[in-house]
Amino acid sequence: MILPHRILDNVKTHLIYTVALLIIIIVGLPMFQTLFFVLWDGNIFLSALVVFLAIGFFYALPEKIRLDRDGEQMRQFRRDVPDGTYDMKKDAIAFLKSPEFFSDCIAILCLVVAAIAIIVVMIMMRIIMPPVLVVILENPAILLVIPPAAVILSLTYGLFHLIFTVQVHRDWDETRLHLANEKKMEYTEKK
């Protein structure tokens, strides 16, 4: 059910995305705080929802780009799904049940642990000293928020991963139909 090699590969690549995300957050934090305050008047739940959706999108988008360029998977998909028989709902259900999807979501959970470790090391090395740390030191119960946050992040990543994968599969099917129609038109014109 779980594919350890896929989890390891995803954690490695997602660590790069995490470092990029941390840089974006550190550099743009004042702007994000102002934006969230102006848009939602400081509503922490709406802000958290947007943050989780944005981060899930951020991690899932490179998967879409990678899948979109994977010619071998496209050929396999077209072999497995005959012309005109593609069903988005069946594809989504099959993808949800696949070990690849489950492994990808587990990889994001592992990534959250890795990201926390990176942040702790950066704090210990005095590279960053965010004001949030003072709040955590005063109230360690805030650390209980981390596991549910990791699960929510995994769910938002899974949602975007599912949407992007089904979209790419649909695009592959539509492209095949479009090319078949073009060939048929060329054949008719030659007659």
N, C-alpha and C. Protein backbone atom coordinates (compact mmCIF):
# COMPACT_ATOMS: atom_id res chain seq x y z
N MET A 1 0.83 -1.20 0.00
CA MET A 1 0.00 0.00 0.00
C MET A 1 0.87 1.26 0.00
N ILE A 2 1.91 1.29 0.84
CA ILE A 2 2.80 2.45 0.88
C ILE A 2 4.02 2.14 0.01
N LEU A 3 4.47 3.15 -0.73
CA LEU A 3 5.66 3.00 -1.58
C LEU A 3 6.80 3.82 -0.97
N PRO A 4 7.66 3.16 -0.16
CA PRO A 4 8.72 3.90 0.56
C PRO A 4 9.64 4.70 -0.34
N HIS A 5 10.00 4.14 -1.52
CA HIS A 5 10.91 4.87 -2.42
C HIS A 5 10.26 6.15 -2.94
N ARG A 6 8.95 6.08 -3.19
CA ARG A 6 8.23 7.28 -3.66
C ARG A 6 8.15 8.33 -2.55
N ILE A 7 7.91 7.88 -1.32
CA ILE A 7 7.86 8.81 -0.18
C ILE A 7 9.21 9.50 -0.03
N LEU A 8 10.28 8.71 -0.10
CA LEU A 8 11.63 9.27 0.06
C LEU A 8 11.95 10.28 -1.05
N ASP A 9 11.61 9.93 -2.30
CA ASP A 9 11.84 10.85 -3.42
C ASP A 9 11.04 12.14 -3.25
N ASN A 10 9.77 12.00 -2.83
CA ASN A 10 8.94 13.19 -2.66
C ASN A 10 9.44 14.07 -1.52
N VAL A 11 9.86 13.45 -0.42
CA VAL A 11 10.37 14.24 0.71
C VAL A 11 11.61 15.01 0.26
N LYS A 12 12.49 14.36 -0.51
CA LYS A 12 13.70 15.04 -0.99
C LYS A 12 13.34 16.26 -1.85
N THR A 13 12.46 16.06 -2.82
CA THR A 13 12.12 17.18 -3.70
C THR A 13 11.30 18.24 -2.96
N HIS A 14 10.42 17.80 -2.07
CA HIS A 14 9.60 18.77 -1.34
C HIS A 14 10.42 19.57 -0.33
N LEU A 15 11.54 19.02 0.12
CA LEU A 15 12.41 19.79 1.00
C LEU A 15 12.93 21.05 0.29
N ILE A 16 13.21 20.91 -0.99
CA ILE A 16 13.64 22.08 -1.78
C ILE A 16 12.51 23.10 -1.83
N TYR A 17 11.28 22.62 -2.07
CA TYR A 17 10.12 23.52 -2.09
C TYR A 17 9.92 24.17 -0.72
N THR A 18 10.21 23.41 0.34
CA THR A 18 10.03 23.94 1.69
C THR A 18 11.00 25.07 1.97
N VAL A 19 12.24 24.89 1.55
CA VAL A 19 13.23 25.97 1.74
C VAL A 19 12.78 27.21 0.97
N ALA A 20 12.31 27.00 -0.27
CA ALA A 20 11.83 28.13 -1.08
C ALA A 20 10.62 28.78 -0.39
N LEU A 21 9.72 27.96 0.15
CA LEU A 21 8.53 28.48 0.83
C LEU A 21 8.91 29.26 2.08
N LEU A 22 9.88 28.75 2.84
CA LEU A 22 10.34 29.46 4.04
C LEU A 22 10.94 30.82 3.68
N ILE A 23 11.68 30.86 2.59
CA ILE A 23 12.26 32.14 2.16
C ILE A 23 11.15 33.11 1.77
N ILE A 24 10.16 32.60 1.01
CA ILE A 24 9.02 33.44 0.61
C ILE A 24 8.29 33.97 1.84
N ILE A 25 8.06 33.08 2.82
CA ILE A 25 7.34 33.48 4.03
C ILE A 25 8.13 34.50 4.84
N ILE A 26 9.42 34.24 5.03
CA ILE A 26 10.25 35.15 5.84
C ILE A 26 10.33 36.53 5.18
N VAL A 27 10.53 36.54 3.85
CA VAL A 27 10.65 37.82 3.13
C VAL A 27 9.30 38.54 3.05
N GLY A 28 8.23 37.77 2.79
CA GLY A 28 6.93 38.41 2.56
C GLY A 28 5.98 38.44 3.74
N LEU A 29 6.45 38.03 4.94
CA LEU A 29 5.56 37.94 6.10
C LEU A 29 4.83 39.25 6.41
N PRO A 30 5.50 40.39 6.46
CA PRO A 30 4.76 41.64 6.74
C PRO A 30 3.66 41.91 5.70
N MET A 31 3.97 41.64 4.42
CA MET A 31 2.98 41.86 3.37
C MET A 31 1.79 40.91 3.54
N PHE A 32 2.08 39.62 3.82
CA PHE A 32 1.00 38.65 4.01
C PHE A 32 0.12 39.02 5.20
N GLN A 33 0.76 39.42 6.30
CA GLN A 33 -0.01 39.80 7.49
C GLN A 33 -0.92 40.99 7.19
N THR A 34 -0.39 41.99 6.50
CA THR A 34 -1.19 43.16 6.14
C THR A 34 -2.34 42.77 5.21
N LEU A 35 -2.03 41.93 4.22
CA LEU A 35 -3.05 41.50 3.26
C LEU A 35 -4.18 40.74 3.95
N PHE A 36 -3.81 39.80 4.82
CA PHE A 36 -4.84 39.03 5.53
C PHE A 36 -5.66 39.93 6.46
N PHE A 37 -5.01 40.88 7.09
CA PHE A 37 -5.73 41.78 7.99
C PHE A 37 -6.71 42.65 7.21
N VAL A 38 -6.27 43.16 6.05
CA VAL A 38 -7.13 44.02 5.23
C VAL A 38 -8.29 43.22 4.64
N LEU A 39 -8.01 42.02 4.13
CA LEU A 39 -9.05 41.23 3.48
C LEU A 39 -10.07 40.64 4.45
N TRP A 40 -9.58 40.11 5.58
CA TRP A 40 -10.49 39.40 6.49
C TRP A 40 -10.54 40.01 7.88
N ASP A 41 -10.06 41.23 8.01
CA ASP A 41 -10.13 41.95 9.28
C ASP A 41 -9.55 41.14 10.43
N GLY A 42 -8.45 40.45 10.13
CA GLY A 42 -7.76 39.68 11.17
C GLY A 42 -8.42 38.37 11.54
N ASN A 43 -9.40 37.89 10.74
CA ASN A 43 -10.06 36.62 11.03
C ASN A 43 -9.06 35.48 10.86
N ILE A 44 -8.69 34.87 11.96
CA ILE A 44 -7.63 33.86 11.94
C ILE A 44 -8.05 32.58 11.21
N PHE A 45 -9.35 32.24 11.26
CA PHE A 45 -9.80 31.01 10.61
C PHE A 45 -9.76 31.13 9.08
N LEU A 46 -10.24 32.27 8.55
CA LEU A 46 -10.16 32.47 7.10
C LEU A 46 -8.71 32.56 6.64
N SER A 47 -7.90 33.26 7.43
CA SER A 47 -6.48 33.37 7.08
C SER A 47 -5.81 32.00 7.07
N ALA A 48 -6.10 31.17 8.09
CA ALA A 48 -5.52 29.83 8.15
C ALA A 48 -5.98 28.97 6.98
N LEU A 49 -7.27 29.08 6.62
CA LEU A 49 -7.80 28.32 5.49
C LEU A 49 -7.08 28.69 4.20
N VAL A 50 -6.92 29.99 3.97
CA VAL A 50 -6.23 30.45 2.76
C VAL A 50 -4.78 29.99 2.76
N VAL A 51 -4.12 30.06 3.92
CA VAL A 51 -2.73 29.62 4.01
C VAL A 51 -2.61 28.14 3.69
N PHE A 52 -3.48 27.30 4.27
CA PHE A 52 -3.42 25.87 4.01
C PHE A 52 -3.69 25.56 2.54
N LEU A 53 -4.67 26.23 1.94
CA LEU A 53 -4.96 26.01 0.52
C LEU A 53 -3.79 26.46 -0.35
N ALA A 54 -3.21 27.62 -0.01
CA ALA A 54 -2.08 28.13 -0.81
C ALA A 54 -0.88 27.20 -0.71
N ILE A 55 -0.59 26.69 0.49
CA ILE A 55 0.56 25.80 0.65
C ILE A 55 0.30 24.46 -0.04
N GLY A 56 -0.93 23.93 0.08
CA GLY A 56 -1.28 22.69 -0.63
C GLY A 56 -1.12 22.85 -2.13
N PHE A 57 -1.57 24.00 -2.66
CA PHE A 57 -1.41 24.30 -4.08
C PHE A 57 0.07 24.41 -4.45
N PHE A 58 0.84 25.08 -3.59
CA PHE A 58 2.27 25.29 -3.83
C PHE A 58 3.01 23.95 -3.97
N TYR A 59 2.68 22.97 -3.12
CA TYR A 59 3.36 21.68 -3.18
C TYR A 59 2.83 20.79 -4.30
N ALA A 60 1.56 20.93 -4.66
CA ALA A 60 0.97 20.05 -5.68
C ALA A 60 1.26 20.52 -7.10
N LEU A 61 1.46 21.82 -7.30
CA LEU A 61 1.67 22.34 -8.65
C LEU A 61 2.88 21.72 -9.36
N PRO A 62 4.05 21.57 -8.70
CA PRO A 62 5.17 20.91 -9.39
C PRO A 62 4.85 19.46 -9.79
N GLU A 63 4.01 18.77 -9.01
CA GLU A 63 3.59 17.41 -9.37
C GLU A 63 2.81 17.44 -10.68
N LYS A 64 1.94 18.45 -10.83
CA LYS A 64 1.16 18.58 -12.07
C LYS A 64 2.10 18.83 -13.25
N ILE A 65 3.05 19.73 -13.06
CA ILE A 65 3.99 20.05 -14.13
C ILE A 65 4.81 18.82 -14.51
N ARG A 66 5.27 18.07 -13.49
CA ARG A 66 6.05 16.86 -13.76
C ARG A 66 5.21 15.83 -14.51
N LEU A 67 3.96 15.63 -14.06
CA LEU A 67 3.09 14.64 -14.70
C LEU A 67 2.75 15.06 -16.12
N ASP A 68 2.52 16.35 -16.32
CA ASP A 68 2.15 16.86 -17.63
C ASP A 68 3.26 16.62 -18.65
N ARG A 69 4.51 16.59 -18.19
CA ARG A 69 5.65 16.39 -19.10
C ARG A 69 6.11 14.94 -19.18
N ASP A 70 5.45 14.05 -18.46
CA ASP A 70 5.87 12.65 -18.40
C ASP A 70 5.26 11.88 -19.57
N GLY A 71 6.04 11.76 -20.63
CA GLY A 71 5.56 11.08 -21.84
C GLY A 71 5.27 9.61 -21.62
N GLU A 72 6.06 8.95 -20.78
CA GLU A 72 5.86 7.52 -20.53
C GLU A 72 4.52 7.27 -19.85
N GLN A 73 4.19 8.10 -18.85
CA GLN A 73 2.90 7.93 -18.17
C GLN A 73 1.74 8.25 -19.12
N MET A 74 1.95 9.22 -20.01
CA MET A 74 0.90 9.54 -20.98
C MET A 74 0.66 8.36 -21.91
N ARG A 75 1.72 7.73 -22.40
CA ARG A 75 1.56 6.57 -23.27
C ARG A 75 0.89 5.42 -22.53
N GLN A 76 1.27 5.20 -21.27
CA GLN A 76 0.65 4.15 -20.46
C GLN A 76 -0.84 4.43 -20.25
N PHE A 77 -1.16 5.69 -19.97
CA PHE A 77 -2.56 6.09 -19.78
C PHE A 77 -3.36 5.81 -21.05
N ARG A 78 -2.80 6.18 -22.19
CA ARG A 78 -3.52 5.99 -23.45
C ARG A 78 -3.65 4.52 -23.82
N ARG A 79 -2.69 3.69 -23.38
CA ARG A 79 -2.82 2.23 -23.60
C ARG A 79 -3.92 1.66 -22.71
N ASP A 80 -3.97 2.14 -21.45
CA ASP A 80 -4.93 1.61 -20.47
C ASP A 80 -6.36 2.10 -20.71
N VAL A 81 -6.50 3.31 -21.27
CA VAL A 81 -7.82 3.90 -21.47
C VAL A 81 -8.07 4.02 -22.96
N PRO A 82 -8.89 3.15 -23.52
CA PRO A 82 -9.17 3.21 -24.95
C PRO A 82 -9.84 4.53 -25.34
N ASP A 83 -9.75 4.85 -26.61
CA ASP A 83 -10.28 6.10 -27.14
C ASP A 83 -11.77 6.26 -26.84
N GLY A 84 -12.14 7.39 -26.25
CA GLY A 84 -13.54 7.71 -26.00
C GLY A 84 -14.14 7.06 -24.76
N THR A 85 -13.32 6.37 -23.95
CA THR A 85 -13.88 5.68 -22.77
C THR A 85 -13.46 6.33 -21.46
N TYR A 86 -12.80 7.48 -21.52
CA TYR A 86 -12.31 8.11 -20.29
C TYR A 86 -13.48 8.61 -19.45
N ASP A 87 -13.46 8.25 -18.16
CA ASP A 87 -14.48 8.67 -17.21
C ASP A 87 -13.78 9.36 -16.03
N MET A 88 -14.04 10.66 -15.88
CA MET A 88 -13.34 11.44 -14.84
C MET A 88 -13.62 10.90 -13.45
N LYS A 89 -14.86 10.54 -13.16
CA LYS A 89 -15.21 10.07 -11.81
C LYS A 89 -14.49 8.76 -11.49
N LYS A 90 -14.49 7.83 -12.43
CA LYS A 90 -13.78 6.56 -12.21
C LYS A 90 -12.28 6.79 -12.05
N ASP A 91 -11.75 7.71 -12.84
CA ASP A 91 -10.33 8.03 -12.76
C ASP A 91 -9.99 8.61 -11.38
N ALA A 92 -10.83 9.53 -10.89
CA ALA A 92 -10.60 10.15 -9.58
C ALA A 92 -10.66 9.12 -8.47
N ILE A 93 -11.66 8.22 -8.53
CA ILE A 93 -11.79 7.17 -7.50
C ILE A 93 -10.61 6.22 -7.55
N ALA A 94 -10.21 5.83 -8.75
CA ALA A 94 -9.06 4.92 -8.89
C ALA A 94 -7.79 5.59 -8.37
N PHE A 95 -7.63 6.89 -8.63
CA PHE A 95 -6.44 7.61 -8.16
C PHE A 95 -6.44 7.72 -6.64
N LEU A 96 -7.62 7.96 -6.05
CA LEU A 96 -7.72 8.05 -4.59
C LEU A 96 -7.33 6.73 -3.92
N LYS A 97 -7.60 5.62 -4.59
CA LYS A 97 -7.29 4.29 -4.03
C LYS A 97 -5.88 3.84 -4.34
N SER A 98 -5.16 4.60 -5.16
CA SER A 98 -3.84 4.15 -5.60
C SER A 98 -2.79 4.32 -4.50
N PRO A 99 -1.81 3.42 -4.46
CA PRO A 99 -0.73 3.56 -3.48
C PRO A 99 0.12 4.81 -3.71
N GLU A 100 0.17 5.29 -4.96
CA GLU A 100 0.94 6.50 -5.25
C GLU A 100 0.35 7.71 -4.53
N PHE A 101 -0.97 7.84 -4.58
CA PHE A 101 -1.63 8.97 -3.93
C PHE A 101 -1.44 8.91 -2.41
N PHE A 102 -1.63 7.72 -1.85
CA PHE A 102 -1.47 7.54 -0.41
C PHE A 102 -0.03 7.85 0.01
N SER A 103 0.92 7.38 -0.77
CA SER A 103 2.34 7.63 -0.47
C SER A 103 2.68 9.12 -0.57
N ASP A 104 2.08 9.81 -1.54
CA ASP A 104 2.33 11.25 -1.70
C ASP A 104 1.82 12.02 -0.48
N CYS A 105 0.64 11.64 0.02
CA CYS A 105 0.09 12.32 1.19
C CYS A 105 0.93 12.03 2.44
N ILE A 106 1.42 10.79 2.57
CA ILE A 106 2.31 10.45 3.69
C ILE A 106 3.61 11.27 3.58
N ALA A 107 4.08 11.47 2.34
CA ALA A 107 5.31 12.25 2.14
C ALA A 107 5.13 13.67 2.64
N ILE A 108 3.95 14.25 2.45
CA ILE A 108 3.71 15.61 2.94
C ILE A 108 3.74 15.63 4.46
N LEU A 109 3.19 14.60 5.11
CA LEU A 109 3.25 14.52 6.57
C LEU A 109 4.71 14.46 7.03
N CYS A 110 5.51 13.64 6.34
CA CYS A 110 6.95 13.57 6.67
C CYS A 110 7.62 14.92 6.43
N LEU A 111 7.17 15.59 5.40
CA LEU A 111 7.74 16.89 5.07
C LEU A 111 7.48 17.92 6.16
N VAL A 112 6.27 17.88 6.74
CA VAL A 112 5.97 18.81 7.83
C VAL A 112 6.94 18.60 8.98
N VAL A 113 7.22 17.34 9.29
CA VAL A 113 8.19 17.03 10.35
C VAL A 113 9.57 17.58 9.97
N ALA A 114 9.95 17.39 8.71
CA ALA A 114 11.25 17.89 8.25
C ALA A 114 11.29 19.42 8.30
N ALA A 115 10.20 20.07 7.93
CA ALA A 115 10.15 21.53 7.96
C ALA A 115 10.27 22.05 9.38
N ILE A 116 9.59 21.37 10.31
CA ILE A 116 9.70 21.76 11.72
C ILE A 116 11.14 21.61 12.20
N ALA A 117 11.79 20.52 11.79
CA ALA A 117 13.19 20.30 12.17
C ALA A 117 14.09 21.41 11.62
N ILE A 118 13.85 21.81 10.36
CA ILE A 118 14.62 22.89 9.75
C ILE A 118 14.45 24.18 10.54
N ILE A 119 13.21 24.49 10.89
CA ILE A 119 12.94 25.72 11.63
C ILE A 119 13.60 25.68 13.00
N VAL A 120 13.52 24.52 13.69
CA VAL A 120 14.15 24.39 15.01
C VAL A 120 15.66 24.59 14.90
N VAL A 121 16.29 23.98 13.89
CA VAL A 121 17.74 24.14 13.69
C VAL A 121 18.08 25.60 13.41
N MET A 122 17.27 26.26 12.58
CA MET A 122 17.52 27.67 12.27
C MET A 122 17.40 28.54 13.52
N ILE A 123 16.45 28.20 14.39
CA ILE A 123 16.28 28.95 15.64
C ILE A 123 17.46 28.68 16.57
N MET A 124 17.88 27.40 16.66
CA MET A 124 18.99 27.05 17.54
C MET A 124 20.30 27.70 17.07
N MET A 125 20.46 27.86 15.76
CA MET A 125 21.67 28.49 15.23
C MET A 125 21.55 30.01 15.20
N ARG A 126 20.43 30.52 15.71
CA ARG A 126 20.17 31.96 15.78
C ARG A 126 20.11 32.61 14.39
N ILE A 127 19.74 31.81 13.39
CA ILE A 127 19.55 32.37 12.05
C ILE A 127 18.26 33.18 12.03
N ILE A 128 17.22 32.61 12.64
CA ILE A 128 15.96 33.34 12.79
C ILE A 128 15.55 33.32 14.25
N MET A 129 14.85 34.35 14.65
CA MET A 129 14.33 34.41 16.02
C MET A 129 12.95 35.06 15.95
N PRO A 130 11.97 34.31 15.42
CA PRO A 130 10.66 34.92 15.23
C PRO A 130 9.95 35.20 16.55
N PRO A 131 9.11 36.23 16.56
CA PRO A 131 8.33 36.52 17.76
C PRO A 131 7.42 35.37 18.16
N VAL A 132 7.06 34.52 17.17
CA VAL A 132 6.20 33.36 17.46
C VAL A 132 6.87 32.45 18.48
N LEU A 133 8.21 32.37 18.42
CA LEU A 133 8.94 31.52 19.35
C LEU A 133 8.70 31.93 20.80
N VAL A 134 8.62 33.23 21.03
CA VAL A 134 8.36 33.72 22.39
C VAL A 134 7.00 33.24 22.87
N VAL A 135 6.01 33.29 21.97
CA VAL A 135 4.65 32.82 22.31
C VAL A 135 4.67 31.34 22.63
N ILE A 136 5.42 30.55 21.82
CA ILE A 136 5.49 29.10 22.04
C ILE A 136 6.18 28.79 23.36
N LEU A 137 7.25 29.53 23.65
CA LEU A 137 7.96 29.30 24.91
C LEU A 137 7.08 29.63 26.11
N GLU A 138 6.21 30.65 25.96
CA GLU A 138 5.31 31.01 27.05
C GLU A 138 4.15 30.04 27.17
N ASN A 139 3.74 29.45 26.05
CA ASN A 139 2.59 28.55 26.05
C ASN A 139 2.88 27.32 25.19
N PRO A 140 3.55 26.29 25.73
CA PRO A 140 3.92 25.11 24.93
C PRO A 140 2.72 24.32 24.40
N ALA A 141 1.53 24.56 24.93
CA ALA A 141 0.34 23.86 24.43
C ALA A 141 0.07 24.17 22.96
N ILE A 142 0.64 25.26 22.46
CA ILE A 142 0.47 25.61 21.04
C ILE A 142 1.05 24.52 20.15
N LEU A 143 2.05 23.78 20.66
CA LEU A 143 2.65 22.70 19.87
C LEU A 143 1.64 21.60 19.55
N LEU A 144 0.54 21.52 20.31
CA LEU A 144 -0.51 20.53 20.03
C LEU A 144 -1.23 20.83 18.72
N VAL A 145 -1.08 22.04 18.21
CA VAL A 145 -1.73 22.42 16.95
C VAL A 145 -1.00 21.80 15.76
N ILE A 146 0.27 21.43 15.94
CA ILE A 146 1.08 20.96 14.81
C ILE A 146 0.53 19.68 14.16
N PRO A 147 0.18 18.61 14.92
CA PRO A 147 -0.34 17.41 14.23
C PRO A 147 -1.61 17.66 13.41
N PRO A 148 -2.65 18.36 13.95
CA PRO A 148 -3.81 18.61 13.09
C PRO A 148 -3.46 19.48 11.89
N ALA A 149 -2.54 20.43 12.08
CA ALA A 149 -2.13 21.28 10.96
C ALA A 149 -1.47 20.45 9.88
N ALA A 150 -0.64 19.47 10.28
CA ALA A 150 0.01 18.59 9.31
C ALA A 150 -1.02 17.77 8.54
N VAL A 151 -2.04 17.28 9.24
CA VAL A 151 -3.08 16.49 8.57
C VAL A 151 -3.88 17.37 7.60
N ILE A 152 -4.22 18.59 8.02
CA ILE A 152 -4.96 19.50 7.15
C ILE A 152 -4.14 19.85 5.91
N LEU A 153 -2.85 20.09 6.10
CA LEU A 153 -1.97 20.38 4.97
C LEU A 153 -1.91 19.20 4.02
N SER A 154 -1.84 17.99 4.58
CA SER A 154 -1.83 16.79 3.75
C SER A 154 -3.12 16.66 2.95
N LEU A 155 -4.25 17.01 3.58
CA LEU A 155 -5.55 16.94 2.88
C LEU A 155 -5.64 17.97 1.75
N THR A 156 -5.17 19.20 2.02
CA THR A 156 -5.24 20.22 0.95
C THR A 156 -4.29 19.86 -0.20
N TYR A 157 -3.12 19.33 0.16
CA TYR A 157 -2.20 18.87 -0.88
C TYR A 157 -2.86 17.74 -1.69
N GLY A 158 -3.46 16.78 -0.97
CA GLY A 158 -4.13 15.66 -1.65
C GLY A 158 -5.25 16.13 -2.57
N LEU A 159 -6.00 17.13 -2.13
CA LEU A 159 -7.09 17.67 -2.95
C LEU A 159 -6.55 18.25 -4.24
N PHE A 160 -5.53 19.10 -4.15
CA PHE A 160 -4.96 19.70 -5.36
C PHE A 160 -4.26 18.65 -6.22
N HIS A 161 -3.61 17.69 -5.58
CA HIS A 161 -2.94 16.62 -6.32
C HIS A 161 -3.96 15.83 -7.13
N LEU A 162 -5.10 15.51 -6.52
CA LEU A 162 -6.18 14.80 -7.21
C LEU A 162 -6.72 15.62 -8.37
N ILE A 163 -7.03 16.89 -8.10
CA ILE A 163 -7.59 17.76 -9.15
C ILE A 163 -6.62 17.88 -10.31
N PHE A 164 -5.35 18.12 -10.03
CA PHE A 164 -4.36 18.28 -11.09
C PHE A 164 -4.17 17.00 -11.89
N THR A 165 -4.13 15.86 -11.21
CA THR A 165 -3.93 14.59 -11.92
C THR A 165 -5.09 14.29 -12.85
N VAL A 166 -6.31 14.46 -12.35
CA VAL A 166 -7.49 14.21 -13.19
C VAL A 166 -7.52 15.19 -14.36
N GLN A 167 -7.13 16.43 -14.11
CA GLN A 167 -7.09 17.43 -15.18
C GLN A 167 -6.08 17.05 -16.26
N VAL A 168 -4.91 16.60 -15.84
CA VAL A 168 -3.89 16.19 -16.82
C VAL A 168 -4.38 14.98 -17.62
N HIS A 169 -4.99 14.00 -16.94
CA HIS A 169 -5.53 12.83 -17.65
C HIS A 169 -6.60 13.24 -18.65
N ARG A 170 -7.47 14.17 -18.24
CA ARG A 170 -8.52 14.64 -19.15
C ARG A 170 -7.90 15.35 -20.35
N ASP A 171 -6.87 16.15 -20.09
CA ASP A 171 -6.18 16.85 -21.19
C ASP A 171 -5.54 15.86 -22.16
N TRP A 172 -4.93 14.80 -21.62
CA TRP A 172 -4.34 13.77 -22.48
C TRP A 172 -5.41 13.13 -23.36
N ASP A 173 -6.56 12.85 -22.78
CA ASP A 173 -7.65 12.21 -23.54
C ASP A 173 -8.19 13.17 -24.60
N GLU A 174 -8.37 14.44 -24.23
CA GLU A 174 -8.88 15.43 -25.19
C GLU A 174 -7.90 15.66 -26.32
N THR A 175 -6.60 15.68 -26.00
CA THR A 175 -5.57 15.86 -27.03
C THR A 175 -5.60 14.70 -28.01
N ARG A 176 -5.75 13.48 -27.48
CA ARG A 176 -5.81 12.30 -28.34
C ARG A 176 -7.01 12.39 -29.29
N LEU A 177 -8.17 12.79 -28.75
CA LEU A 177 -9.37 12.92 -29.58
C LEU A 177 -9.19 14.01 -30.63
N HIS A 178 -8.57 15.12 -30.22
CA HIS A 178 -8.33 16.24 -31.13
C HIS A 178 -7.40 15.82 -32.27
N LEU A 179 -6.32 15.11 -31.93
CA LEU A 179 -5.38 14.64 -32.96
C LEU A 179 -6.05 13.64 -33.90
N ALA A 180 -6.89 12.76 -33.34
CA ALA A 180 -7.60 11.78 -34.17
C ALA A 180 -8.54 12.49 -35.15
N ASN A 181 -9.22 13.54 -34.69
CA ASN A 181 -10.12 14.30 -35.57
C ASN A 181 -9.33 15.02 -36.66
N GLU A 182 -8.15 15.57 -36.30
CA GLU A 182 -7.32 16.25 -37.30
C GLU A 182 -6.85 15.27 -38.37
N LYS A 183 -6.45 14.06 -37.96
CA LYS A 183 -6.00 13.05 -38.93
C LYS A 183 -7.14 12.65 -39.85
N LYS A 184 -8.34 12.53 -39.26
CA LYS A 184 -9.51 12.15 -40.07
C LYS A 184 -9.81 13.25 -41.09
N MET A 185 -9.69 14.52 -40.68
CA MET A 185 -9.94 15.64 -41.59
C MET A 185 -8.89 15.68 -42.71
N GLU A 186 -7.63 15.43 -42.35
CA GLU A 186 -6.55 15.42 -43.36
C GLU A 186 -6.79 14.31 -44.37
N TYR A 187 -7.24 13.15 -43.89
CA TYR A 187 -7.50 12.00 -44.76
C TYR A 187 -8.66 12.32 -45.71
N THR A 188 -9.70 12.99 -45.20
CA THR A 188 -10.85 13.36 -46.02
C THR A 188 -10.47 14.39 -47.08
N GLU A 189 -9.60 15.35 -46.71
CA GLU A 189 -9.18 16.36 -47.66
C GLU A 189 -8.33 15.76 -48.79
N LYS A 190 -7.51 14.76 -48.45
CA LYS A 190 -6.67 14.13 -49.46
C LYS A 190 -7.52 13.37 -50.49
N LYS A 191 -8.66 12.82 -50.05
CA LYS A 191 -9.54 12.09 -50.97
C LYS A 191 -10.09 13.07 -51.98
